[in-house]
Amino acid sequence: MPFAQIYLIEGRSDEQKKVLIEKVSAAMAEALGAPLENTRVWIQDVPKAQWGIGGKTAKDLGR
């Protein structure tokens, strides 16, 4: 069973996540020759205050 875990900085819409899940699932199924219904995608939103970029939080950087 193909499984992808994706971390995103919080703020993406449910629609964007839906499209991401569809496309990642399709890519895994194609690349691995697995049935689409066997693919799994897990998206984890990370709060901006807990995501570091260049020694600062994404929140502090306004991202």
N, C-alpha and C. Protein backbone atom coordinates (compact mmCIF):
# COMPACT_ATOMS: atom_id res chain seq x y z
N MET A 1 0.84 -1.17 0.00
CA MET A 1 0.00 0.00 0.00
C MET A 1 0.89 1.24 0.00
N PRO A 2 0.92 2.02 -1.07
CA PRO A 2 1.70 3.26 -1.12
C PRO A 2 1.14 4.30 -0.14
N PHE A 3 2.04 4.95 0.58
CA PHE A 3 1.65 5.93 1.59
C PHE A 3 2.55 7.15 1.46
N ALA A 4 1.96 8.34 1.41
CA ALA A 4 2.72 9.59 1.38
C ALA A 4 2.32 10.44 2.56
N GLN A 5 3.31 10.99 3.25
CA GLN A 5 3.06 11.89 4.36
C GLN A 5 3.58 13.26 3.94
N ILE A 6 2.72 14.26 4.04
CA ILE A 6 3.06 15.61 3.57
C ILE A 6 2.86 16.60 4.71
N TYR A 7 3.90 17.40 4.96
CA TYR A 7 3.81 18.45 5.96
C TYR A 7 3.65 19.78 5.23
N LEU A 8 2.69 20.59 5.68
CA LEU A 8 2.47 21.91 5.09
C LEU A 8 2.39 22.96 6.20
N ILE A 9 2.89 24.14 5.93
CA ILE A 9 2.65 25.25 6.83
C ILE A 9 1.15 25.53 6.78
N GLU A 10 0.55 25.71 7.94
CA GLU A 10 -0.89 25.94 8.01
C GLU A 10 -1.32 27.08 7.08
N GLY A 11 -2.55 27.01 6.60
CA GLY A 11 -3.09 28.09 5.79
C GLY A 11 -3.62 27.67 4.44
N ARG A 12 -3.39 26.44 4.02
CA ARG A 12 -3.93 25.98 2.74
C ARG A 12 -5.41 25.68 2.91
N SER A 13 -6.18 25.92 1.88
CA SER A 13 -7.63 25.67 1.94
C SER A 13 -7.92 24.18 1.81
N ASP A 14 -9.12 23.79 2.22
CA ASP A 14 -9.54 22.40 2.06
C ASP A 14 -9.54 22.00 0.60
N GLU A 15 -9.90 22.92 -0.29
CA GLU A 15 -9.91 22.62 -1.72
C GLU A 15 -8.49 22.36 -2.23
N GLN A 16 -7.53 23.15 -1.80
CA GLN A 16 -6.13 22.92 -2.20
C GLN A 16 -5.65 21.56 -1.71
N LYS A 17 -6.01 21.20 -0.49
CA LYS A 17 -5.61 19.90 0.06
C LYS A 17 -6.27 18.76 -0.71
N LYS A 18 -7.52 18.94 -1.09
CA LYS A 18 -8.23 17.93 -1.87
C LYS A 18 -7.51 17.68 -3.20
N VAL A 19 -7.14 18.75 -3.89
CA VAL A 19 -6.44 18.63 -5.17
C VAL A 19 -5.08 17.97 -4.96
N LEU A 20 -4.37 18.36 -3.91
CA LEU A 20 -3.06 17.76 -3.60
C LEU A 20 -3.20 16.26 -3.38
N ILE A 21 -4.19 15.84 -2.61
CA ILE A 21 -4.41 14.42 -2.35
C ILE A 21 -4.70 13.68 -3.65
N GLU A 22 -5.55 14.25 -4.50
CA GLU A 22 -5.87 13.61 -5.78
C GLU A 22 -4.63 13.43 -6.64
N LYS A 23 -3.81 14.48 -6.74
CA LYS A 23 -2.65 14.43 -7.64
C LYS A 23 -1.53 13.54 -7.09
N VAL A 24 -1.29 13.59 -5.80
CA VAL A 24 -0.26 12.73 -5.21
C VAL A 24 -0.69 11.28 -5.32
N SER A 25 -1.95 11.00 -5.07
CA SER A 25 -2.46 9.63 -5.18
C SER A 25 -2.30 9.11 -6.61
N ALA A 26 -2.66 9.93 -7.58
CA ALA A 26 -2.55 9.52 -8.99
C ALA A 26 -1.09 9.28 -9.37
N ALA A 27 -0.19 10.14 -8.89
CA ALA A 27 1.23 9.98 -9.22
C ALA A 27 1.80 8.70 -8.61
N MET A 28 1.42 8.40 -7.37
CA MET A 28 1.90 7.17 -6.75
C MET A 28 1.36 5.94 -7.48
N ALA A 29 0.09 5.97 -7.82
CA ALA A 29 -0.51 4.83 -8.52
C ALA A 29 0.19 4.60 -9.86
N GLU A 30 0.45 5.69 -10.59
CA GLU A 30 1.11 5.56 -11.90
C GLU A 30 2.56 5.09 -11.75
N ALA A 31 3.30 5.72 -10.86
CA ALA A 31 4.72 5.41 -10.72
C ALA A 31 4.97 4.01 -10.18
N LEU A 32 4.08 3.56 -9.30
CA LEU A 32 4.30 2.27 -8.65
C LEU A 32 3.45 1.14 -9.21
N GLY A 33 2.56 1.48 -10.13
CA GLY A 33 1.67 0.47 -10.69
C GLY A 33 0.69 -0.09 -9.67
N ALA A 34 0.36 0.73 -8.68
CA ALA A 34 -0.56 0.30 -7.62
C ALA A 34 -1.97 0.77 -7.94
N PRO A 35 -2.97 0.04 -7.49
CA PRO A 35 -4.34 0.51 -7.68
C PRO A 35 -4.55 1.82 -6.91
N LEU A 36 -5.21 2.77 -7.54
CA LEU A 36 -5.45 4.08 -6.92
C LEU A 36 -6.13 3.93 -5.56
N GLU A 37 -7.06 2.99 -5.45
CA GLU A 37 -7.80 2.82 -4.20
C GLU A 37 -6.92 2.30 -3.06
N ASN A 38 -5.71 1.85 -3.37
CA ASN A 38 -4.80 1.38 -2.33
C ASN A 38 -3.85 2.47 -1.84
N THR A 39 -3.87 3.64 -2.47
CA THR A 39 -2.96 4.72 -2.07
C THR A 39 -3.50 5.43 -0.84
N ARG A 40 -2.58 5.96 -0.05
CA ARG A 40 -2.93 6.72 1.15
C ARG A 40 -2.09 7.98 1.18
N VAL A 41 -2.72 9.12 1.53
CA VAL A 41 -2.02 10.39 1.66
C VAL A 41 -2.44 11.01 2.99
N TRP A 42 -1.44 11.44 3.75
CA TRP A 42 -1.70 12.08 5.03
C TRP A 42 -1.09 13.47 4.98
N ILE A 43 -1.91 14.48 5.17
CA ILE A 43 -1.44 15.86 5.21
C ILE A 43 -1.47 16.32 6.66
N GLN A 44 -0.35 16.86 7.10
CA GLN A 44 -0.27 17.38 8.46
C GLN A 44 0.04 18.86 8.38
N ASP A 45 -0.88 19.68 8.90
CA ASP A 45 -0.64 21.12 8.97
C ASP A 45 0.26 21.41 10.16
N VAL A 46 1.29 22.20 9.92
CA VAL A 46 2.19 22.60 10.99
C VAL A 46 1.95 24.08 11.27
N PRO A 47 1.67 24.44 12.51
CA PRO A 47 1.47 25.85 12.84
C PRO A 47 2.70 26.68 12.46
N LYS A 48 2.44 27.90 11.99
CA LYS A 48 3.52 28.77 11.54
C LYS A 48 4.54 29.05 12.63
N ALA A 49 4.11 29.04 13.88
CA ALA A 49 5.03 29.28 15.00
C ALA A 49 5.93 28.08 15.26
N GLN A 50 5.62 26.93 14.64
CA GLN A 50 6.41 25.73 14.86
C GLN A 50 7.18 25.31 13.61
N TRP A 51 7.30 26.19 12.64
CA TRP A 51 8.01 25.90 11.39
C TRP A 51 9.15 26.91 11.29
N GLY A 52 10.39 26.43 11.26
CA GLY A 52 11.52 27.34 11.22
C GLY A 52 12.12 27.47 9.84
N ILE A 53 12.48 28.70 9.49
CA ILE A 53 13.12 29.01 8.22
C ILE A 53 14.27 29.98 8.51
N GLY A 54 15.47 29.56 8.25
CA GLY A 54 16.63 30.43 8.45
C GLY A 54 16.76 30.97 9.87
N GLY A 55 16.40 30.16 10.85
CA GLY A 55 16.56 30.56 12.24
C GLY A 55 15.40 31.36 12.81
N LYS A 56 14.35 31.56 12.03
CA LYS A 56 13.17 32.28 12.50
C LYS A 56 11.93 31.45 12.21
N THR A 57 10.85 31.74 12.92
CA THR A 57 9.61 31.02 12.65
C THR A 57 8.95 31.60 11.41
N ALA A 58 8.17 30.77 10.75
CA ALA A 58 7.42 31.23 9.57
C ALA A 58 6.48 32.36 9.97
N LYS A 59 5.96 32.28 11.19
CA LYS A 59 5.07 33.34 11.68
C LYS A 59 5.81 34.67 11.77
N ASP A 60 7.01 34.65 12.36
CA ASP A 60 7.81 35.87 12.46
C ASP A 60 8.19 36.43 11.10
N LEU A 61 8.34 35.54 10.12
CA LEU A 61 8.70 35.99 8.78
C LEU A 61 7.48 36.41 7.95
N GLY A 62 6.28 36.22 8.50
CA GLY A 62 5.06 36.61 7.78
C GLY A 62 4.72 35.66 6.65
N ARG A 63 5.11 34.41 6.79
CA ARG A 63 4.82 33.43 5.73
C ARG A 63 3.57 32.66 6.01
